[in-house]
Amino acid sequence: MAFEFTDKNFQDEALAGGVSVVDFWAEWCGPCRLIGPIIDDLSKDYEGKVKIGKVNVDHNPEISTKYGVRSIPTILFIKDGEVVDKHVGTATKSALNSKIEALV
């Protein structure tokens, strides 16, 4: 299961260094429900190497606003505390995997 990022833990968990992949989503979002299992799979595939998780935009408005998330799903790719790539909308597992591989 993917990690749950929140307004409170985002700084320590997503920006602490290394590579993080953050999926901004909501329960009512159809495309988010399509990509959710892919994010969960990737979190298992990269366990111990990349921190992969989700931010529920309805419960964590502060971090969503800070990163300008206006459409969901939005996936941020963070390396060493900086956003280095962004994907908006659905994607295949292989497409996301390629983006992650480019960062590790």
PDB file of N, CA and C in Angstrom:
ATOM      1  N   MET A   1       0.836  -1.196   0.000  1.00  0.00           N
ATOM      2  CA  MET A   1       0.000   0.000   0.000  1.00  0.00           C
ATOM      3  C   MET A   1       0.875   1.252   0.000  1.00  0.00           C
ATOM      4  N   ALA A   2       0.484   2.224  -0.762  1.00  0.00           N
ATOM      5  CA  ALA A   2       1.247   3.458  -0.872  1.00  0.00           C
ATOM      6  C   ALA A   2       1.207   4.237   0.439  1.00  0.00           C
ATOM      7  N   PHE A   3       2.257   4.990   0.681  1.00  0.00           N
ATOM      8  CA  PHE A   3       2.373   5.833   1.866  1.00  0.00           C
ATOM      9  C   PHE A   3       1.332   6.948   1.810  1.00  0.00           C
ATOM     10  N   GLU A   4       0.840   7.394   2.972  1.00  0.00           N
ATOM     11  CA  GLU A   4      -0.115   8.493   3.011  1.00  0.00           C
ATOM     12  C   GLU A   4       0.594   9.772   3.437  1.00  0.00           C
ATOM     13  N   PHE A   5       0.822  10.648   2.457  1.00  0.00           N
ATOM     14  CA  PHE A   5       1.393  11.956   2.752  1.00  0.00           C
ATOM     15  C   PHE A   5       0.279  12.874   3.241  1.00  0.00           C
ATOM     16  N   THR A   6       0.605  13.758   4.178  1.00  0.00           N
ATOM     17  CA  THR A   6      -0.362  14.714   4.711  1.00  0.00           C
ATOM     18  C   THR A   6       0.291  16.091   4.787  1.00  0.00           C
ATOM     19  N   ASP A   7      -0.526  17.102   5.088  1.00  0.00           N
ATOM     20  CA  ASP A   7       0.014  18.444   5.302  1.00  0.00           C
ATOM     21  C   ASP A   7       1.089  18.416   6.386  1.00  0.00           C
ATOM     22  N   LYS A   8       0.875  17.592   7.401  1.00  0.00           N
ATOM     23  CA  LYS A   8       1.788  17.564   8.548  1.00  0.00           C
ATOM     24  C   LYS A   8       3.090  16.816   8.280  1.00  0.00           C
ATOM     25  N   ASN A   9       3.060  15.746   7.511  1.00  0.00           N
ATOM     26  CA  ASN A   9       4.271  14.938   7.336  1.00  0.00           C
ATOM     27  C   ASN A   9       4.989  15.170   5.999  1.00  0.00           C
ATOM     28  N   PHE A  10       4.436  15.994   5.134  1.00  0.00           N
ATOM     29  CA  PHE A  10       4.973  16.132   3.784  1.00  0.00           C
ATOM     30  C   PHE A  10       6.438  16.584   3.786  1.00  0.00           C
ATOM     31  N   GLN A  11       6.744  17.591   4.568  1.00  0.00           N
ATOM     32  CA  GLN A  11       8.121  18.113   4.620  1.00  0.00           C
ATOM     33  C   GLN A  11       9.098  17.007   5.011  1.00  0.00           C
ATOM     34  N   ASP A  12       8.799  16.277   6.062  1.00  0.00           N
ATOM     35  CA  ASP A  12       9.709  15.242   6.557  1.00  0.00           C
ATOM     36  C   ASP A  12       9.748  13.998   5.685  1.00  0.00           C
ATOM     37  N   GLU A  13       8.647  13.653   5.086  1.00  0.00           N
ATOM     38  CA  GLU A  13       8.563  12.391   4.349  1.00  0.00           C
ATOM     39  C   GLU A  13       8.852  12.522   2.853  1.00  0.00           C
ATOM     40  N   ALA A  14       8.329  13.554   2.217  1.00  0.00           N
ATOM     41  CA  ALA A  14       8.482  13.677   0.759  1.00  0.00           C
ATOM     42  C   ALA A  14       9.709  14.487   0.350  1.00  0.00           C
ATOM     43  N   LEU A  15      10.107  15.429   1.210  1.00  0.00           N
ATOM     44  CA  LEU A  15      11.173  16.347   0.826  1.00  0.00           C
ATOM     45  C   LEU A  15      12.494  16.074   1.533  1.00  0.00           C
ATOM     46  N   ALA A  16      12.572  14.995   2.288  1.00  0.00           N
ATOM     47  CA  ALA A  16      13.733  14.732   3.140  1.00  0.00           C
ATOM     48  C   ALA A  16      14.985  14.333   2.362  1.00  0.00           C
ATOM     49  N   GLY A  17      14.865  14.035   1.108  1.00  0.00           N
ATOM     50  CA  GLY A  17      16.007  13.599   0.312  1.00  0.00           C
ATOM     51  C   GLY A  17      15.646  12.334  -0.443  1.00  0.00           C
ATOM     52  N   GLY A  18      16.464  11.970  -1.381  1.00  0.00           N
ATOM     53  CA  GLY A  18      16.152  10.813  -2.201  1.00  0.00           C
ATOM     54  C   GLY A  18      15.055  11.144  -3.188  1.00  0.00           C
ATOM     55  N   VAL A  19      14.361  10.107  -3.635  1.00  0.00           N
ATOM     56  CA  VAL A  19      13.296  10.262  -4.630  1.00  0.00           C
ATOM     57  C   VAL A  19      11.947   9.935  -4.002  1.00  0.00           C
ATOM     58  N   SER A  20      10.970  10.815  -4.262  1.00  0.00           N
ATOM     59  CA  SER A  20       9.597  10.589  -3.816  1.00  0.00           C
ATOM     60  C   SER A  20       8.661  10.779  -5.004  1.00  0.00           C
ATOM     61  N   VAL A  21       7.602   9.994  -5.027  1.00  0.00           N
ATOM     62  CA  VAL A  21       6.555  10.125  -6.036  1.00  0.00           C
ATOM     63  C   VAL A  21       5.260  10.338  -5.274  1.00  0.00           C
ATOM     64  N   VAL A  22       4.579  11.455  -5.571  1.00  0.00           N
ATOM     65  CA  VAL A  22       3.404  11.842  -4.800  1.00  0.00           C
ATOM     66  C   VAL A  22       2.198  11.982  -5.729  1.00  0.00           C
ATOM     67  N   ASP A  23       1.174  11.178  -5.464  1.00  0.00           N
ATOM     68  CA  ASP A  23      -0.066  11.185  -6.230  1.00  0.00           C
ATOM     69  C   ASP A  23      -1.097  12.005  -5.472  1.00  0.00           C
ATOM     70  N   PHE A  24      -1.534  13.127  -6.044  1.00  0.00           N
ATOM     71  CA  PHE A  24      -2.599  13.943  -5.462  1.00  0.00           C
ATOM     72  C   PHE A  24      -3.919  13.428  -6.024  1.00  0.00           C
ATOM     73  N   TRP A  25      -4.845  13.058  -5.138  1.00  0.00           N
ATOM     74  CA  TRP A  25      -6.068  12.385  -5.550  1.00  0.00           C
ATOM     75  C   TRP A  25      -7.227  12.763  -4.635  1.00  0.00           C
ATOM     76  N   ALA A  26      -8.436  12.277  -4.966  1.00  0.00           N
ATOM     77  CA  ALA A  26      -9.625  12.403  -4.131  1.00  0.00           C
ATOM     78  C   ALA A  26     -10.512  11.187  -4.374  1.00  0.00           C
ATOM     79  N   GLU A  27     -11.288  10.848  -3.367  1.00  0.00           N
ATOM     80  CA  GLU A  27     -12.157   9.670  -3.447  1.00  0.00           C
ATOM     81  C   GLU A  27     -13.194   9.781  -4.559  1.00  0.00           C
ATOM     82  N   TRP A  28     -13.669  10.990  -4.843  1.00  0.00           N
ATOM     83  CA  TRP A  28     -14.727  11.196  -5.827  1.00  0.00           C
ATOM     84  C   TRP A  28     -14.212  11.256  -7.265  1.00  0.00           C
ATOM     85  N   CYS A  29     -12.903  11.179  -7.452  1.00  0.00           N
ATOM     86  CA  CYS A  29     -12.277  11.352  -8.764  1.00  0.00           C
ATOM     87  C   CYS A  29     -12.138  10.010  -9.485  1.00  0.00           C
ATOM     88  N   GLY A  30     -12.868   9.837 -10.587  1.00  0.00           N
ATOM     89  CA  GLY A  30     -12.817   8.588 -11.353  1.00  0.00           C
ATOM     90  C   GLY A  30     -11.422   8.244 -11.865  1.00  0.00           C
ATOM     91  N   PRO A  31     -10.746   9.170 -12.559  1.00  0.00           N
ATOM     92  CA  PRO A  31      -9.392   8.864 -13.032  1.00  0.00           C
ATOM     93  C   PRO A  31      -8.423   8.533 -11.882  1.00  0.00           C
ATOM     94  N   CYS A  32      -8.646   9.135 -10.719  1.00  0.00           N
ATOM     95  CA  CYS A  32      -7.791   8.837  -9.549  1.00  0.00           C
ATOM     96  C   CYS A  32      -7.962   7.381  -9.130  1.00  0.00           C
ATOM     97  N   ARG A  33      -9.176   6.880  -9.236  1.00  0.00           N
ATOM     98  CA  ARG A  33      -9.425   5.481  -8.868  1.00  0.00           C
ATOM     99  C   ARG A  33      -8.768   4.531  -9.867  1.00  0.00           C
ATOM    100  N   LEU A  34      -8.590   4.972 -11.103  1.00  0.00           N
ATOM    101  CA  LEU A  34      -7.912   4.149 -12.102  1.00  0.00           C
ATOM    102  C   LEU A  34      -6.409   4.073 -11.832  1.00  0.00           C
ATOM    103  N   ILE A  35      -5.824   5.185 -11.439  1.00  0.00           N
ATOM    104  CA  ILE A  35      -4.377   5.219 -11.250  1.00  0.00           C
ATOM    105  C   ILE A  35      -3.954   4.751  -9.852  1.00  0.00           C
ATOM    106  N   GLY A  36      -4.885   4.745  -8.909  1.00  0.00           N
ATOM    107  CA  GLY A  36      -4.572   4.335  -7.535  1.00  0.00           C
ATOM    108  C   GLY A  36      -3.898   2.975  -7.423  1.00  0.00           C
ATOM    109  N   PRO A  37      -4.433   1.924  -8.059  1.00  0.00           N
ATOM    110  CA  PRO A  37      -3.780   0.615  -7.980  1.00  0.00           C
ATOM    111  C   PRO A  37      -2.379   0.603  -8.594  1.00  0.00           C
ATOM    112  N   ILE A  38      -2.151   1.423  -9.602  1.00  0.00           N
ATOM    113  CA  ILE A  38      -0.824   1.517 -10.211  1.00  0.00           C
ATOM    114  C   ILE A  38       0.160   2.115  -9.212  1.00  0.00           C
ATOM    115  N   ILE A  39      -0.271   3.152  -8.510  1.00  0.00           N
ATOM    116  CA  ILE A  39       0.581   3.773  -7.484  1.00  0.00           C
ATOM    117  C   ILE A  39       0.887   2.755  -6.388  1.00  0.00           C
ATOM    118  N   ASP A  40      -0.120   1.985  -5.984  1.00  0.00           N
ATOM    119  CA  ASP A  40       0.102   0.951  -4.965  1.00  0.00           C
ATOM    120  C   ASP A  40       1.117  -0.087  -5.445  1.00  0.00           C
ATOM    121  N   ASP A  41       0.993  -0.520  -6.693  1.00  0.00           N
ATOM    122  CA  ASP A  41       1.941  -1.492  -7.261  1.00  0.00           C
ATOM    123  C   ASP A  41       3.360  -0.928  -7.293  1.00  0.00           C
ATOM    124  N   LEU A  42       3.488   0.320  -7.732  1.00  0.00           N
ATOM    125  CA  LEU A  42       4.806   0.940  -7.807  1.00  0.00           C
ATOM    126  C   LEU A  42       5.429   1.076  -6.418  1.00  0.00           C
ATOM    127  N   SER A  43       4.591   1.344  -5.413  1.00  0.00           N
ATOM    128  CA  SER A  43       5.133   1.480  -4.055  1.00  0.00           C
ATOM    129  C   SER A  43       5.724   0.155  -3.580  1.00  0.00           C
ATOM    130  N   LYS A  44       5.127  -0.960  -4.001  1.00  0.00           N
ATOM    131  CA  LYS A  44       5.680  -2.280  -3.669  1.00  0.00           C
ATOM    132  C   LYS A  44       6.957  -2.540  -4.466  1.00  0.00           C
ATOM    133  N   ASP A  45       6.925  -2.202  -5.759  1.00  0.00           N
ATOM    134  CA  ASP A  45       8.074  -2.438  -6.638  1.00  0.00           C
ATOM    135  C   ASP A  45       9.320  -1.678  -6.182  1.00  0.00           C
ATOM    136  N   TYR A  46       9.119  -0.480  -5.643  1.00  0.00           N
ATOM    137  CA  TYR A  46      10.245   0.376  -5.273  1.00  0.00           C
ATOM    138  C   TYR A  46      10.427   0.501  -3.753  1.00  0.00           C
ATOM    139  N   GLU A  47       9.823  -0.399  -3.005  1.00  0.00           N
ATOM    140  CA  GLU A  47       9.927  -0.345  -1.545  1.00  0.00           C
ATOM    141  C   GLU A  47      11.394  -0.326  -1.113  1.00  0.00           C
ATOM    142  N   GLY A  48      11.723   0.624  -0.249  1.00  0.00           N
ATOM    143  CA  GLY A  48      13.090   0.751   0.235  1.00  0.00           C
ATOM    144  C   GLY A  48      13.995   1.580  -0.661  1.00  0.00           C
ATOM    145  N   LYS A  49      13.515   1.928  -1.867  1.00  0.00           N
ATOM    146  CA  LYS A  49      14.324   2.713  -2.813  1.00  0.00           C
ATOM    147  C   LYS A  49      13.728   4.085  -3.076  1.00  0.00           C
ATOM    148  N   VAL A  50      12.399   4.118  -3.249  1.00  0.00           N
ATOM    149  CA  VAL A  50      11.685   5.348  -3.572  1.00  0.00           C
ATOM    150  C   VAL A  50      10.460   5.430  -2.669  1.00  0.00           C
ATOM    151  N   LYS A  51      10.203   6.595  -2.093  1.00  0.00           N
ATOM    152  CA  LYS A  51       9.002   6.771  -1.273  1.00  0.00           C
ATOM    153  C   LYS A  51       7.859   7.148  -2.203  1.00  0.00           C
ATOM    154  N   ILE A  52       6.884   6.262  -2.316  1.00  0.00           N
ATOM    155  CA  ILE A  52       5.748   6.472  -3.212  1.00  0.00           C
ATOM    156  C   ILE A  52       4.476   6.504  -2.375  1.00  0.00           C
ATOM    157  N   GLY A  53       3.701   7.576  -2.572  1.00  0.00           N
ATOM    158  CA  GLY A  53       2.490   7.701  -1.774  1.00  0.00           C
ATOM    159  C   GLY A  53       1.477   8.643  -2.382  1.00  0.00           C
ATOM    160  N   LYS A  54       0.446   8.910  -1.585  1.00  0.00           N
ATOM    161  CA  LYS A  54      -0.707   9.669  -2.047  1.00  0.00           C
ATOM    162  C   LYS A  54      -1.030  10.798  -1.080  1.00  0.00           C
ATOM    163  N   VAL A  55      -1.590  11.871  -1.623  1.00  0.00           N
ATOM    164  CA  VAL A  55      -2.111  12.986  -0.835  1.00  0.00           C
ATOM    165  C   VAL A  55      -3.585  13.135  -1.209  1.00  0.00           C
ATOM    166  N   ASN A  56      -4.462  12.986  -0.239  1.00  0.00           N
ATOM    167  CA  ASN A  56      -5.887  13.228  -0.470  1.00  0.00           C
ATOM    168  C   ASN A  56      -6.099  14.742  -0.437  1.00  0.00           C
ATOM    169  N   VAL A  57      -6.443  15.325  -1.577  1.00  0.00           N
ATOM    170  CA  VAL A  57      -6.554  16.781  -1.676  1.00  0.00           C
ATOM    171  C   VAL A  57      -7.679  17.347  -0.817  1.00  0.00           C
ATOM    172  N   ASP A  58      -8.714  16.563  -0.570  1.00  0.00           N
ATOM    173  CA  ASP A  58      -9.814  17.037   0.264  1.00  0.00           C
ATOM    174  C   ASP A  58      -9.405  17.150   1.733  1.00  0.00           C
ATOM    175  N   HIS A  59      -8.487  16.304   2.171  1.00  0.00           N
ATOM    176  CA  HIS A  59      -8.056  16.299   3.570  1.00  0.00           C
ATOM    177  C   HIS A  59      -6.779  17.088   3.807  1.00  0.00           C
ATOM    178  N   ASN A  60      -6.068  17.459   2.735  1.00  0.00           N
ATOM    179  CA  ASN A  60      -4.772  18.137   2.844  1.00  0.00           C
ATOM    180  C   ASN A  60      -4.680  19.320   1.882  1.00  0.00           C
ATOM    181  N   PRO A  61      -5.509  20.336   2.114  1.00  0.00           N
ATOM    182  CA  PRO A  61      -5.545  21.467   1.179  1.00  0.00           C
ATOM    183  C   PRO A  61      -4.268  22.310   1.181  1.00  0.00           C
ATOM    184  N   GLU A  62      -3.555  22.331   2.289  1.00  0.00           N
ATOM    185  CA  GLU A  62      -2.362  23.177   2.396  1.00  0.00           C
ATOM    186  C   GLU A  62      -1.290  22.754   1.383  1.00  0.00           C
ATOM    187  N   ILE A  63      -0.956  21.481   1.376  1.00  0.00           N
ATOM    188  CA  ILE A  63       0.106  21.005   0.489  1.00  0.00           C
ATOM    189  C   ILE A  63      -0.359  21.028  -0.972  1.00  0.00           C
ATOM    190  N   SER A  64      -1.627  20.759  -1.190  1.00  0.00           N
ATOM    191  CA  SER A  64      -2.173  20.811  -2.549  1.00  0.00           C
ATOM    192  C   SER A  64      -2.077  22.222  -3.111  1.00  0.00           C
ATOM    193  N   THR A  65      -2.397  23.210  -2.309  1.00  0.00           N
ATOM    194  CA  THR A  65      -2.319  24.607  -2.728  1.00  0.00           C
ATOM    195  C   THR A  65      -0.871  25.032  -2.937  1.00  0.00           C
ATOM    196  N   LYS A  66       0.002  24.635  -2.031  1.00  0.00           N
ATOM    197  CA  LYS A  66       1.417  25.014  -2.130  1.00  0.00           C
ATOM    198  C   LYS A  66       2.028  24.570  -3.455  1.00  0.00           C
ATOM    199  N   TYR A  67       1.638  23.391  -3.944  1.00  0.00           N
ATOM    200  CA  TYR A  67       2.202  22.868  -5.186  1.00  0.00           C
ATOM    201  C   TYR A  67       1.319  23.130  -6.407  1.00  0.00           C
ATOM    202  N   GLY A  68       0.304  23.966  -6.246  1.00  0.00           N
ATOM    203  CA  GLY A  68      -0.512  24.386  -7.381  1.00  0.00           C
ATOM    204  C   GLY A  68      -1.300  23.275  -8.035  1.00  0.00           C
ATOM    205  N   VAL A  69      -1.741  22.305  -7.245  1.00  0.00           N
ATOM    206  CA  VAL A  69      -2.507  21.196  -7.802  1.00  0.00           C
ATOM    207  C   VAL A  69      -3.933  21.668  -8.064  1.00  0.00           C
ATOM    208  N   ARG A  70      -4.289  21.743  -9.357  1.00  0.00           N
ATOM    209  CA  ARG A  70      -5.618  22.214  -9.747  1.00  0.00           C
ATOM    210  C   ARG A  70      -6.445  21.135 -10.409  1.00  0.00           C
ATOM    211  N   SER A  71      -5.774  20.130 -10.947  1.00  0.00           N
ATOM    212  CA  SER A  71      -6.445  18.993 -11.583  1.00  0.00           C
ATOM    213  C   SER A  71      -5.886  17.729 -10.952  1.00  0.00           C
ATOM    214  N   ILE A  72      -6.758  16.756 -10.803  1.00  0.00           N
ATOM    215  CA  ILE A  72      -6.300  15.481 -10.252  1.00  0.00           C
ATOM    216  C   ILE A  72      -6.728  14.357 -11.178  1.00  0.00           C
ATOM    217  N   PRO A  73      -5.978  13.287 -11.231  1.00  0.00           N
ATOM    218  CA  PRO A  73      -4.751  13.064 -10.484  1.00  0.00           C
ATOM    219  C   PRO A  73      -3.585  13.899 -11.020  1.00  0.00           C
ATOM    220  N   THR A  74      -2.777  14.396 -10.091  1.00  0.00           N
ATOM    221  CA  THR A  74      -1.509  15.032 -10.413  1.00  0.00           C
ATOM    222  C   THR A  74      -0.428  14.260  -9.668  1.00  0.00           C
ATOM    223  N   ILE A  75       0.630  13.911 -10.366  1.00  0.00           N
ATOM    224  CA  ILE A  75       1.724  13.166  -9.752  1.00  0.00           C
ATOM    225  C   ILE A  75       2.985  14.008  -9.827  1.00  0.00           C
ATOM    226  N   LEU A  76       3.574  14.253  -8.657  1.00  0.00           N
ATOM    227  CA  LEU A  76       4.833  14.987  -8.597  1.00  0.00           C
ATOM    228  C   LEU A  76       5.975  14.003  -8.389  1.00  0.00           C
ATOM    229  N   PHE A  77       7.058  14.252  -9.084  1.00  0.00           N
ATOM    230  CA  PHE A  77       8.283  13.462  -8.933  1.00  0.00           C
ATOM    231  C   PHE A  77       9.297  14.385  -8.269  1.00  0.00           C
ATOM    232  N   ILE A  78       9.734  14.009  -7.085  1.00  0.00           N
ATOM    233  CA  ILE A  78      10.587  14.857  -6.260  1.00  0.00           C
ATOM    234  C   ILE A  78      11.929  14.164  -6.072  1.00  0.00           C
ATOM    235  N   LYS A  79      13.004  14.919  -6.290  1.00  0.00           N
ATOM    236  CA  LYS A  79      14.346  14.387  -6.056  1.00  0.00           C
ATOM    237  C   LYS A  79      15.105  15.387  -5.195  1.00  0.00           C
ATOM    238  N   ASP A  80      15.637  14.897  -4.086  1.00  0.00           N
ATOM    239  CA  ASP A  80      16.401  15.734  -3.159  1.00  0.00           C
ATOM    240  C   ASP A  80      15.652  17.004  -2.773  1.00  0.00           C
ATOM    241  N   GLY A  81      14.356  16.865  -2.521  1.00  0.00           N
ATOM    242  CA  GLY A  81      13.541  17.969  -2.027  1.00  0.00           C
ATOM    243  C   GLY A  81      12.998  18.923  -3.072  1.00  0.00           C
ATOM    244  N   GLU A  82      13.293  18.681  -4.364  1.00  0.00           N
ATOM    245  CA  GLU A  82      12.837  19.557  -5.433  1.00  0.00           C
ATOM    246  C   GLU A  82      11.943  18.796  -6.414  1.00  0.00           C
ATOM    247  N   VAL A  83      10.857  19.442  -6.850  1.00  0.00           N
ATOM    248  CA  VAL A  83      10.001  18.838  -7.871  1.00  0.00           C
ATOM    249  C   VAL A  83      10.755  18.886  -9.196  1.00  0.00           C
ATOM    250  N   VAL A  84      10.993  17.702  -9.774  1.00  0.00           N
ATOM    251  CA  VAL A  84      11.751  17.623 -11.024  1.00  0.00           C
ATOM    252  C   VAL A  84      10.887  17.196 -12.210  1.00  0.00           C
ATOM    253  N   ASP A  85       9.679  16.695 -11.935  1.00  0.00           N
ATOM    254  CA  ASP A  85       8.774  16.297 -13.011  1.00  0.00           C
ATOM    255  C   ASP A  85       7.362  16.294 -12.457  1.00  0.00           C
ATOM    256  N   LYS A  86       6.401  16.419 -13.362  1.00  0.00           N
ATOM    257  CA  LYS A  86       4.989  16.468 -12.967  1.00  0.00           C
ATOM    258  C   LYS A  86       4.176  15.801 -14.064  1.00  0.00           C
ATOM    259  N   HIS A  87       3.183  15.028 -13.664  1.00  0.00           N
ATOM    260  CA  HIS A  87       2.281  14.392 -14.626  1.00  0.00           C
ATOM    261  C   HIS A  87       0.849  14.653 -14.171  1.00  0.00           C
ATOM    262  N   VAL A  88       0.004  15.120 -15.075  1.00  0.00           N
ATOM    263  CA  VAL A  88      -1.398  15.377 -14.767  1.00  0.00           C
ATOM    264  C   VAL A  88      -2.250  14.425 -15.597  1.00  0.00           C
ATOM    265  N   GLY A  89      -3.172  13.735 -14.927  1.00  0.00           N
ATOM    266  CA  GLY A  89      -4.055  12.800 -15.608  1.00  0.00           C
ATOM    267  C   GLY A  89      -3.631  11.363 -15.387  1.00  0.00           C
ATOM    268  N   THR A  90      -4.304  10.468 -16.072  1.00  0.00           N
ATOM    269  CA  THR A  90      -3.978   9.054 -15.915  1.00  0.00           C
ATOM    270  C   THR A  90      -2.717   8.719 -16.695  1.00  0.00           C
ATOM    271  N   ALA A  91      -2.131   7.591 -16.350  1.00  0.00           N
ATOM    272  CA  ALA A  91      -0.912   7.140 -17.027  1.00  0.00           C
ATOM    273  C   ALA A  91      -0.806   5.634 -16.861  1.00  0.00           C
ATOM    274  N   THR A  92      -0.029   5.023 -17.716  1.00  0.00           N
ATOM    275  CA  THR A  92       0.216   3.590 -17.582  1.00  0.00           C
ATOM    276  C   THR A  92       1.311   3.362 -16.543  1.00  0.00           C
ATOM    277  N   LYS A  93       1.358   2.148 -16.032  1.00  0.00           N
ATOM    278  CA  LYS A  93       2.402   1.798 -15.083  1.00  0.00           C
ATOM    279  C   LYS A  93       3.776   1.940 -15.732  1.00  0.00           C
ATOM    280  N   SER A  94       3.903   1.528 -16.979  1.00  0.00           N
ATOM    281  CA  SER A  94       5.206   1.607 -17.655  1.00  0.00           C
ATOM    282  C   SER A  94       5.657   3.052 -17.848  1.00  0.00           C
ATOM    283  N   ALA A  95       4.726   3.956 -18.113  1.00  0.00           N
ATOM    284  CA  ALA A  95       5.086   5.369 -18.279  1.00  0.00           C
ATOM    285  C   ALA A  95       5.600   5.948 -16.965  1.00  0.00           C
ATOM    286  N   LEU A  96       4.913   5.644 -15.875  1.00  0.00           N
ATOM    287  CA  LEU A  96       5.357   6.138 -14.567  1.00  0.00           C
ATOM    288  C   LEU A  96       6.661   5.479 -14.154  1.00  0.00           C
ATOM    289  N   ASN A  97       6.773   4.194 -14.439  1.00  0.00           N
ATOM    290  CA  ASN A  97       8.001   3.458 -14.130  1.00  0.00           C
ATOM    291  C   ASN A  97       9.203   4.087 -14.837  1.00  0.00           C
ATOM    292  N   SER A  98       9.029   4.488 -16.088  1.00  0.00           N
ATOM    293  CA  SER A  98      10.106   5.131 -16.847  1.00  0.00           C
ATOM    294  C   SER A  98      10.548   6.441 -16.200  1.00  0.00           C
ATOM    295  N   LYS A  99       9.568   7.212 -15.731  1.00  0.00           N
ATOM    296  CA  LYS A  99       9.886   8.489 -15.070  1.00  0.00           C
ATOM    297  C   LYS A  99      10.648   8.245 -13.768  1.00  0.00           C
ATOM    298  N   ILE A 100      10.248   7.215 -13.037  1.00  0.00           N
ATOM    299  CA  ILE A 100      10.929   6.900 -11.774  1.00  0.00           C
ATOM    300  C   ILE A 100      12.353   6.419 -12.056  1.00  0.00           C
ATOM    301  N   GLU A 101      12.497   5.533 -13.029  1.00  0.00           N
ATOM    302  CA  GLU A 101      13.813   4.992 -13.367  1.00  0.00           C
ATOM    303  C   GLU A 101      14.794   6.091 -13.775  1.00  0.00           C
ATOM    304  N   ALA A 102      14.289   7.142 -14.398  1.00  0.00           N
ATOM    305  CA  ALA A 102      15.152   8.251 -14.805  1.00  0.00           C
ATOM    306  C   ALA A 102      15.707   9.019 -13.597  1.00  0.00           C
ATOM    307  N   LEU A 103      15.059   8.850 -12.439  1.00  0.00           N
ATOM    308  CA  LEU A 103      15.472   9.592 -11.231  1.00  0.00           C
ATOM    309  C   LEU A 103      16.310   8.785 -10.253  1.00  0.00           C
ATOM    310  N   VAL A 104      16.263   7.463 -10.354  1.00  0.00           N
ATOM    311  CA  VAL A 104      17.005   6.654  -9.378  1.00  0.00           C
ATOM    312  C   VAL A 104      18.376   6.242  -9.890  1.00  0.00           C
TER     313      VAL A 104
END
